[in-house]
Amino acid sequence: MTNNEIIDKINSFLTEEFEVDAEKLIPEANLKETVGLDSLDYIDLVVVIESNFAFKVKPEDFVGIVTLEDFYNYVITRVNAKELV
């Protein structure tokens, strides 16, 4: 899966599952504010990531994620690492 395919898939589930306007999905946007995440939404987001990309997410993985670009890079890194195994 290419980086662009991963980003497209992320944007797709953010617009569908979390009802985020596609125009707001820019790399420098704040993930929490743009998506409107509360603690329950983080759980939903983890479930969506795990089901779409087939890797486990730990709560501490989100510590350094502030922007959508951080989130994209996190998922891309995890997917690429999984594909190397």
PDB file of N, CA and C in Angstrom:
ATOM      1  N   MET A   1       0.849  -1.170   0.000  1.00  0.00           N
ATOM      2  CA  MET A   1       0.000   0.000   0.000  1.00  0.00           C
ATOM      3  C   MET A   1       0.901   1.242   0.000  1.00  0.00           C
ATOM      4  N   THR A   2       0.620   2.181  -0.893  1.00  0.00           N
ATOM      5  CA  THR A   2       1.439   3.397  -0.972  1.00  0.00           C
ATOM      6  C   THR A   2       1.036   4.386   0.120  1.00  0.00           C
ATOM      7  N   ASN A   3       1.903   5.370   0.358  1.00  0.00           N
ATOM      8  CA  ASN A   3       1.600   6.397   1.356  1.00  0.00           C
ATOM      9  C   ASN A   3       0.314   7.138   1.011  1.00  0.00           C
ATOM     10  N   ASN A   4       0.131   7.471  -0.265  1.00  0.00           N
ATOM     11  CA  ASN A   4      -1.081   8.180  -0.679  1.00  0.00           C
ATOM     12  C   ASN A   4      -2.332   7.336  -0.475  1.00  0.00           C
ATOM     13  N   GLU A   5      -2.232   6.046  -0.710  1.00  0.00           N
ATOM     14  CA  GLU A   5      -3.370   5.151  -0.478  1.00  0.00           C
ATOM     15  C   GLU A   5      -3.726   5.102   1.010  1.00  0.00           C
ATOM     16  N   ILE A   6      -2.707   5.085   1.854  1.00  0.00           N
ATOM     17  CA  ILE A   6      -2.934   5.073   3.295  1.00  0.00           C
ATOM     18  C   ILE A   6      -3.611   6.376   3.729  1.00  0.00           C
ATOM     19  N   ILE A   7      -3.102   7.505   3.255  1.00  0.00           N
ATOM     20  CA  ILE A   7      -3.680   8.809   3.595  1.00  0.00           C
ATOM     21  C   ILE A   7      -5.117   8.903   3.093  1.00  0.00           C
ATOM     22  N   ASP A   8      -5.371   8.439   1.879  1.00  0.00           N
ATOM     23  CA  ASP A   8      -6.737   8.454   1.338  1.00  0.00           C
ATOM     24  C   ASP A   8      -7.678   7.608   2.192  1.00  0.00           C
ATOM     25  N   LYS A   9      -7.191   6.461   2.632  1.00  0.00           N
ATOM     26  CA  LYS A   9      -8.013   5.578   3.468  1.00  0.00           C
ATOM     27  C   LYS A   9      -8.306   6.230   4.821  1.00  0.00           C
ATOM     28  N   ILE A  10      -7.296   6.867   5.411  1.00  0.00           N
ATOM     29  CA  ILE A  10      -7.491   7.578   6.680  1.00  0.00           C
ATOM     30  C   ILE A  10      -8.518   8.692   6.504  1.00  0.00           C
ATOM     31  N   ASN A  11      -8.341   9.510   5.462  1.00  0.00           N
ATOM     32  CA  ASN A  11      -9.267  10.611   5.224  1.00  0.00           C
ATOM     33  C   ASN A  11     -10.678  10.094   4.994  1.00  0.00           C
ATOM     34  N   SER A  12     -10.787   8.974   4.316  1.00  0.00           N
ATOM     35  CA  SER A  12     -12.091   8.388   4.041  1.00  0.00           C
ATOM     36  C   SER A  12     -12.800   7.997   5.338  1.00  0.00           C
ATOM     37  N   PHE A  13     -12.105   7.304   6.252  1.00  0.00           N
ATOM     38  CA  PHE A  13     -12.793   6.920   7.480  1.00  0.00           C
ATOM     39  C   PHE A  13     -12.997   8.100   8.422  1.00  0.00           C
ATOM     40  N   LEU A  14     -12.151   9.135   8.331  1.00  0.00           N
ATOM     41  CA  LEU A  14     -12.400  10.323   9.150  1.00  0.00           C
ATOM     42  C   LEU A  14     -13.665  11.051   8.692  1.00  0.00           C
ATOM     43  N   THR A  15     -13.875  11.114   7.388  1.00  0.00           N
ATOM     44  CA  THR A  15     -15.083  11.781   6.882  1.00  0.00           C
ATOM     45  C   THR A  15     -16.326  10.932   7.110  1.00  0.00           C
ATOM     46  N   GLU A  16     -16.209   9.619   6.961  1.00  0.00           N
ATOM     47  CA  GLU A  16     -17.371   8.744   7.101  1.00  0.00           C
ATOM     48  C   GLU A  16     -17.706   8.425   8.560  1.00  0.00           C
ATOM     49  N   GLU A  17     -16.724   7.983   9.316  1.00  0.00           N
ATOM     50  CA  GLU A  17     -16.967   7.541  10.694  1.00  0.00           C
ATOM     51  C   GLU A  17     -17.085   8.700  11.686  1.00  0.00           C
ATOM     52  N   PHE A  18     -16.318   9.763  11.447  1.00  0.00           N
ATOM     53  CA  PHE A  18     -16.266  10.871  12.391  1.00  0.00           C
ATOM     54  C   PHE A  18     -16.901  12.150  11.851  1.00  0.00           C
ATOM     55  N   GLU A  19     -17.457  12.066  10.636  1.00  0.00           N
ATOM     56  CA  GLU A  19     -18.181  13.160   9.993  1.00  0.00           C
ATOM     57  C   GLU A  19     -17.390  14.469   9.942  1.00  0.00           C
ATOM     58  N   VAL A  20     -16.121  14.354   9.562  1.00  0.00           N
ATOM     59  CA  VAL A  20     -15.254  15.523   9.418  1.00  0.00           C
ATOM     60  C   VAL A  20     -15.353  16.018   7.977  1.00  0.00           C
ATOM     61  N   ASP A  21     -15.468  17.343   7.804  1.00  0.00           N
ATOM     62  CA  ASP A  21     -15.465  17.919   6.458  1.00  0.00           C
ATOM     63  C   ASP A  21     -14.134  17.618   5.793  1.00  0.00           C
ATOM     64  N   ALA A  22     -14.181  17.116   4.570  1.00  0.00           N
ATOM     65  CA  ALA A  22     -12.961  16.759   3.836  1.00  0.00           C
ATOM     66  C   ALA A  22     -12.031  17.962   3.671  1.00  0.00           C
ATOM     67  N   GLU A  23     -12.591  19.168   3.572  1.00  0.00           N
ATOM     68  CA  GLU A  23     -11.771  20.373   3.406  1.00  0.00           C
ATOM     69  C   GLU A  23     -10.904  20.656   4.630  1.00  0.00           C
ATOM     70  N   LYS A  24     -11.300  20.149   5.788  1.00  0.00           N
ATOM     71  CA  LYS A  24     -10.541  20.366   7.021  1.00  0.00           C
ATOM     72  C   LYS A  24      -9.373  19.400   7.172  1.00  0.00           C
ATOM     73  N   LEU A  25      -9.327  18.393   6.318  1.00  0.00           N
ATOM     74  CA  LEU A  25      -8.294  17.356   6.440  1.00  0.00           C
ATOM     75  C   LEU A  25      -7.026  17.768   5.703  1.00  0.00           C
ATOM     76  N   ILE A  26      -6.297  18.689   6.329  1.00  0.00           N
ATOM     77  CA  ILE A  26      -5.013  19.138   5.798  1.00  0.00           C
ATOM     78  C   ILE A  26      -3.924  18.701   6.780  1.00  0.00           C
ATOM     79  N   PRO A  27      -2.732  18.399   6.281  1.00  0.00           N
ATOM     80  CA  PRO A  27      -1.685  17.827   7.145  1.00  0.00           C
ATOM     81  C   PRO A  27      -1.382  18.636   8.409  1.00  0.00           C
ATOM     82  N   GLU A  28      -1.427  19.966   8.338  1.00  0.00           N
ATOM     83  CA  GLU A  28      -1.059  20.765   9.513  1.00  0.00           C
ATOM     84  C   GLU A  28      -2.204  20.965  10.507  1.00  0.00           C
ATOM     85  N   ALA A  29      -3.388  20.422  10.214  1.00  0.00           N
ATOM     86  CA  ALA A  29      -4.532  20.556  11.115  1.00  0.00           C
ATOM     87  C   ALA A  29      -4.306  19.764  12.400  1.00  0.00           C
ATOM     88  N   ASN A  30      -4.788  20.315  13.510  1.00  0.00           N
ATOM     89  CA  ASN A  30      -4.713  19.633  14.802  1.00  0.00           C
ATOM     90  C   ASN A  30      -5.702  18.468  14.791  1.00  0.00           C
ATOM     91  N   LEU A  31      -5.210  17.263  15.031  1.00  0.00           N
ATOM     92  CA  LEU A  31      -6.046  16.063  14.955  1.00  0.00           C
ATOM     93  C   LEU A  31      -7.216  16.125  15.938  1.00  0.00           C
ATOM     94  N   LYS A  32      -6.938  16.426  17.185  1.00  0.00           N
ATOM     95  CA  LYS A  32      -7.980  16.425  18.215  1.00  0.00           C
ATOM     96  C   LYS A  32      -9.057  17.467  17.919  1.00  0.00           C
ATOM     97  N   GLU A  33      -8.640  18.680  17.535  1.00  0.00           N
ATOM     98  CA  GLU A  33      -9.600  19.753  17.267  1.00  0.00           C
ATOM     99  C   GLU A  33     -10.365  19.522  15.967  1.00  0.00           C
ATOM    100  N   THR A  34      -9.678  19.089  14.933  1.00  0.00           N
ATOM    101  CA  THR A  34     -10.312  18.903  13.629  1.00  0.00           C
ATOM    102  C   THR A  34     -11.335  17.775  13.666  1.00  0.00           C
ATOM    103  N   VAL A  35     -10.963  16.688  14.292  1.00  0.00           N
ATOM    104  CA  VAL A  35     -11.850  15.538  14.346  1.00  0.00           C
ATOM    105  C   VAL A  35     -12.826  15.661  15.525  1.00  0.00           C
ATOM    106  N   GLY A  36     -12.508  16.514  16.496  1.00  0.00           N
ATOM    107  CA  GLY A  36     -13.360  16.683  17.659  1.00  0.00           C
ATOM    108  C   GLY A  36     -13.327  15.471  18.573  1.00  0.00           C
ATOM    109  N   LEU A  37     -12.131  14.964  18.812  1.00  0.00           N
ATOM    110  CA  LEU A  37     -11.980  13.726  19.581  1.00  0.00           C
ATOM    111  C   LEU A  37     -12.124  13.939  21.080  1.00  0.00           C
ATOM    112  N   ASP A  38     -12.944  13.111  21.702  1.00  0.00           N
ATOM    113  CA  ASP A  38     -12.946  12.999  23.154  1.00  0.00           C
ATOM    114  C   ASP A  38     -12.404  11.609  23.484  1.00  0.00           C
ATOM    115  N   SER A  39     -12.403  11.238  24.748  1.00  0.00           N
ATOM    116  CA  SER A  39     -11.777   9.964  25.120  1.00  0.00           C
ATOM    117  C   SER A  39     -12.461   8.762  24.469  1.00  0.00           C
ATOM    118  N   LEU A  40     -13.776   8.790  24.325  1.00  0.00           N
ATOM    119  CA  LEU A  40     -14.473   7.679  23.665  1.00  0.00           C
ATOM    120  C   LEU A  40     -14.164   7.642  22.169  1.00  0.00           C
ATOM    121  N   ASP A  41     -14.006   8.820  21.565  1.00  0.00           N
ATOM    122  CA  ASP A  41     -13.673   8.868  20.144  1.00  0.00           C
ATOM    123  C   ASP A  41     -12.298   8.273  19.875  1.00  0.00           C
ATOM    124  N   TYR A  42     -11.360   8.450  20.812  1.00  0.00           N
ATOM    125  CA  TYR A  42     -10.042   7.840  20.645  1.00  0.00           C
ATOM    126  C   TYR A  42     -10.158   6.322  20.584  1.00  0.00           C
ATOM    127  N   ILE A  43     -11.043   5.775  21.398  1.00  0.00           N
ATOM    128  CA  ILE A  43     -11.263   4.323  21.365  1.00  0.00           C
ATOM    129  C   ILE A  43     -11.824   3.921  20.010  1.00  0.00           C
ATOM    130  N   ASP A  44     -12.803   4.672  19.516  1.00  0.00           N
ATOM    131  CA  ASP A  44     -13.367   4.397  18.182  1.00  0.00           C
ATOM    132  C   ASP A  44     -12.296   4.509  17.105  1.00  0.00           C
ATOM    133  N   LEU A  45     -11.446   5.527  17.228  1.00  0.00           N
ATOM    134  CA  LEU A  45     -10.378   5.724  16.245  1.00  0.00           C
ATOM    135  C   LEU A  45      -9.414   4.540  16.249  1.00  0.00           C
ATOM    136  N   VAL A  46      -9.065   4.055  17.428  1.00  0.00           N
ATOM    137  CA  VAL A  46      -8.173   2.891  17.546  1.00  0.00           C
ATOM    138  C   VAL A  46      -8.806   1.673  16.873  1.00  0.00           C
ATOM    139  N   VAL A  47     -10.089   1.447  17.119  1.00  0.00           N
ATOM    140  CA  VAL A  47     -10.789   0.307  16.516  1.00  0.00           C
ATOM    141  C   VAL A  47     -10.781   0.423  14.996  1.00  0.00           C
ATOM    142  N   VAL A  48     -11.025   1.624  14.487  1.00  0.00           N
ATOM    143  CA  VAL A  48     -11.042   1.837  13.031  1.00  0.00           C
ATOM    144  C   VAL A  48      -9.648   1.614  12.440  1.00  0.00           C
ATOM    145  N   ILE A  49      -8.620   2.111  13.109  1.00  0.00           N
ATOM    146  CA  ILE A  49      -7.244   1.912  12.626  1.00  0.00           C
ATOM    147  C   ILE A  49      -6.921   0.419  12.597  1.00  0.00           C
ATOM    148  N   GLU A  50      -7.201  -0.258  13.699  1.00  0.00           N
ATOM    149  CA  GLU A  50      -6.866  -1.682  13.779  1.00  0.00           C
ATOM    150  C   GLU A  50      -7.620  -2.505  12.737  1.00  0.00           C
ATOM    151  N   SER A  51      -8.861  -2.170  12.482  1.00  0.00           N
ATOM    152  CA  SER A  51      -9.630  -2.947  11.505  1.00  0.00           C
ATOM    153  C   SER A  51      -9.242  -2.614  10.064  1.00  0.00           C
ATOM    154  N   ASN A  52      -8.840  -1.373   9.802  1.00  0.00           N
ATOM    155  CA  ASN A  52      -8.471  -0.979   8.439  1.00  0.00           C
ATOM    156  C   ASN A  52      -7.030  -1.338   8.077  1.00  0.00           C
ATOM    157  N   PHE A  53      -6.145  -1.326   9.074  1.00  0.00           N
ATOM    158  CA  PHE A  53      -4.729  -1.512   8.767  1.00  0.00           C
ATOM    159  C   PHE A  53      -4.105  -2.739   9.423  1.00  0.00           C
ATOM    160  N   ALA A  54      -4.870  -3.473  10.209  1.00  0.00           N
ATOM    161  CA  ALA A  54      -4.444  -4.755  10.793  1.00  0.00           C
ATOM    162  C   ALA A  54      -3.167  -4.680  11.624  1.00  0.00           C
ATOM    163  N   PHE A  55      -3.105  -3.688  12.507  1.00  0.00           N
ATOM    164  CA  PHE A  55      -2.055  -3.674  13.524  1.00  0.00           C
ATOM    165  C   PHE A  55      -2.647  -3.140  14.816  1.00  0.00           C
ATOM    166  N   LYS A  56      -2.037  -3.526  15.924  1.00  0.00           N
ATOM    167  CA  LYS A  56      -2.519  -3.119  17.247  1.00  0.00           C
ATOM    168  C   LYS A  56      -1.976  -1.740  17.610  1.00  0.00           C
ATOM    169  N   VAL A  57      -2.826  -0.940  18.220  1.00  0.00           N
ATOM    170  CA  VAL A  57      -2.465   0.405  18.658  1.00  0.00           C
ATOM    171  C   VAL A  57      -2.460   0.430  20.177  1.00  0.00           C
ATOM    172  N   LYS A  58      -1.403   1.007  20.750  1.00  0.00           N
ATOM    173  CA  LYS A  58      -1.329   1.177  22.197  1.00  0.00           C
ATOM    174  C   LYS A  58      -1.644   2.639  22.525  1.00  0.00           C
ATOM    175  N   PRO A  59      -2.257   2.905  23.669  1.00  0.00           N
ATOM    176  CA  PRO A  59      -2.596   4.288  24.026  1.00  0.00           C
ATOM    177  C   PRO A  59      -1.398   5.237  23.980  1.00  0.00           C
ATOM    178  N   GLU A  60      -0.238   4.741  24.390  1.00  0.00           N
ATOM    179  CA  GLU A  60       0.950   5.605  24.399  1.00  0.00           C
ATOM    180  C   GLU A  60       1.422   5.995  22.991  1.00  0.00           C
ATOM    181  N   ASP A  61       0.938   5.286  21.967  1.00  0.00           N
ATOM    182  CA  ASP A  61       1.291   5.628  20.587  1.00  0.00           C
ATOM    183  C   ASP A  61       0.785   7.022  20.206  1.00  0.00           C
ATOM    184  N   PHE A  62      -0.258   7.489  20.878  1.00  0.00           N
ATOM    185  CA  PHE A  62      -0.854   8.781  20.540  1.00  0.00           C
ATOM    186  C   PHE A  62      -0.180   9.959  21.235  1.00  0.00           C
ATOM    187  N   VAL A  63       0.767   9.703  22.126  1.00  0.00           N
ATOM    188  CA  VAL A  63       1.399  10.767  22.906  1.00  0.00           C
ATOM    189  C   VAL A  63       2.002  11.855  22.013  1.00  0.00           C
ATOM    190  N   GLY A  64       2.727  11.501  20.989  1.00  0.00           N
ATOM    191  CA  GLY A  64       3.389  12.494  20.139  1.00  0.00           C
ATOM    192  C   GLY A  64       2.577  12.945  18.941  1.00  0.00           C
ATOM    193  N   ILE A  65       1.350  12.470  18.821  1.00  0.00           N
ATOM    194  CA  ILE A  65       0.535  12.800  17.651  1.00  0.00           C
ATOM    195  C   ILE A  65      -0.295  14.043  17.948  1.00  0.00           C
ATOM    196  N   VAL A  66       0.005  15.122  17.214  1.00  0.00           N
ATOM    197  CA  VAL A  66      -0.712  16.375  17.395  1.00  0.00           C
ATOM    198  C   VAL A  66      -1.476  16.735  16.126  1.00  0.00           C
ATOM    199  N   THR A  67      -0.786  16.679  14.988  1.00  0.00           N
ATOM    200  CA  THR A  67      -1.391  17.080  13.716  1.00  0.00           C
ATOM    201  C   THR A  67      -1.838  15.862  12.912  1.00  0.00           C
ATOM    202  N   LEU A  68      -2.618  16.124  11.891  1.00  0.00           N
ATOM    203  CA  LEU A  68      -2.994  15.034  10.981  1.00  0.00           C
ATOM    204  C   LEU A  68      -1.760  14.440  10.331  1.00  0.00           C
ATOM    205  N   GLU A  69      -0.775  15.284  10.016  1.00  0.00           N
ATOM    206  CA  GLU A  69       0.458  14.767   9.416  1.00  0.00           C
ATOM    207  C   GLU A  69       1.155  13.790  10.360  1.00  0.00           C
ATOM    208  N   ASP A  70       1.196  14.107  11.655  1.00  0.00           N
ATOM    209  CA  ASP A  70       1.759  13.175  12.647  1.00  0.00           C
ATOM    210  C   ASP A  70       1.006  11.848  12.609  1.00  0.00           C
ATOM    211  N   PHE A  71      -0.317  11.941  12.533  1.00  0.00           N
ATOM    212  CA  PHE A  71      -1.164  10.751  12.501  1.00  0.00           C
ATOM    213  C   PHE A  71      -0.917   9.945  11.231  1.00  0.00           C
ATOM    214  N   TYR A  72      -0.872  10.623  10.084  1.00  0.00           N
ATOM    215  CA  TYR A  72      -0.572   9.948   8.819  1.00  0.00           C
ATOM    216  C   TYR A  72       0.767   9.222   8.919  1.00  0.00           C
ATOM    217  N   ASN A  73       1.790   9.932   9.409  1.00  0.00           N
ATOM    218  CA  ASN A  73       3.132   9.346   9.496  1.00  0.00           C
ATOM    219  C   ASN A  73       3.168   8.148  10.438  1.00  0.00           C
ATOM    220  N   TYR A  74       2.437   8.230  11.538  1.00  0.00           N
ATOM    221  CA  TYR A  74       2.361   7.103  12.473  1.00  0.00           C
ATOM    222  C   TYR A  74       1.791   5.868  11.767  1.00  0.00           C
ATOM    223  N   VAL A  75       0.655   6.034  11.095  1.00  0.00           N
ATOM    224  CA  VAL A  75       0.019   4.891  10.430  1.00  0.00           C
ATOM    225  C   VAL A  75       0.905   4.375   9.301  1.00  0.00           C
ATOM    226  N   ILE A  76       1.476   5.262   8.506  1.00  0.00           N
ATOM    227  CA  ILE A  76       2.356   4.859   7.395  1.00  0.00           C
ATOM    228  C   ILE A  76       3.530   4.046   7.924  1.00  0.00           C
ATOM    229  N   THR A  77       4.152   4.535   9.006  1.00  0.00           N
ATOM    230  CA  THR A  77       5.305   3.831   9.597  1.00  0.00           C
ATOM    231  C   THR A  77       4.909   2.438  10.082  1.00  0.00           C
ATOM    232  N   ARG A  78       3.758   2.347  10.754  1.00  0.00           N
ATOM    233  CA  ARG A  78       3.307   1.056  11.272  1.00  0.00           C
ATOM    234  C   ARG A  78       2.944   0.097  10.145  1.00  0.00           C
ATOM    235  N   VAL A  79       2.278   0.585   9.099  1.00  0.00           N
ATOM    236  CA  VAL A  79       1.908  -0.272   7.968  1.00  0.00           C
ATOM    237  C   VAL A  79       3.161  -0.753   7.255  1.00  0.00           C
ATOM    238  N   ASN A  80       4.113   0.150   7.016  1.00  0.00           N
ATOM    239  CA  ASN A  80       5.355  -0.239   6.336  1.00  0.00           C
ATOM    240  C   ASN A  80       6.148  -1.242   7.159  1.00  0.00           C
ATOM    241  N   ALA A  81       6.201  -1.073   8.466  1.00  0.00           N
ATOM    242  CA  ALA A  81       6.925  -2.016   9.330  1.00  0.00           C
ATOM    243  C   ALA A  81       6.269  -3.386   9.285  1.00  0.00           C
ATOM    244  N   LYS A  82       4.949  -3.396   9.262  1.00  0.00           N
ATOM    245  CA  LYS A  82       4.204  -4.663   9.213  1.00  0.00           C
ATOM    246  C   LYS A  82       4.458  -5.396   7.885  1.00  0.00           C
ATOM    247  N   GLU A  83       4.544  -4.616   6.798  1.00  0.00           N
ATOM    248  CA  GLU A  83       4.752  -5.218   5.481  1.00  0.00           C
ATOM    249  C   GLU A  83       6.157  -5.785   5.314  1.00  0.00           C
ATOM    250  N   LEU A  84       7.109  -5.276   6.115  1.00  0.00           N
ATOM    251  CA  LEU A  84       8.476  -5.783   6.039  1.00  0.00           C
ATOM    252  C   LEU A  84       8.644  -7.125   6.741  1.00  0.00           C
ATOM    253  N   VAL A  85       7.722  -7.441   7.645  1.00  0.00           N
ATOM    254  CA  VAL A  85       7.823  -8.689   8.421  1.00  0.00           C
ATOM    255  C   VAL A  85       7.399  -9.869   7.596  1.00  0.00           C
TER     256      VAL A  85
END
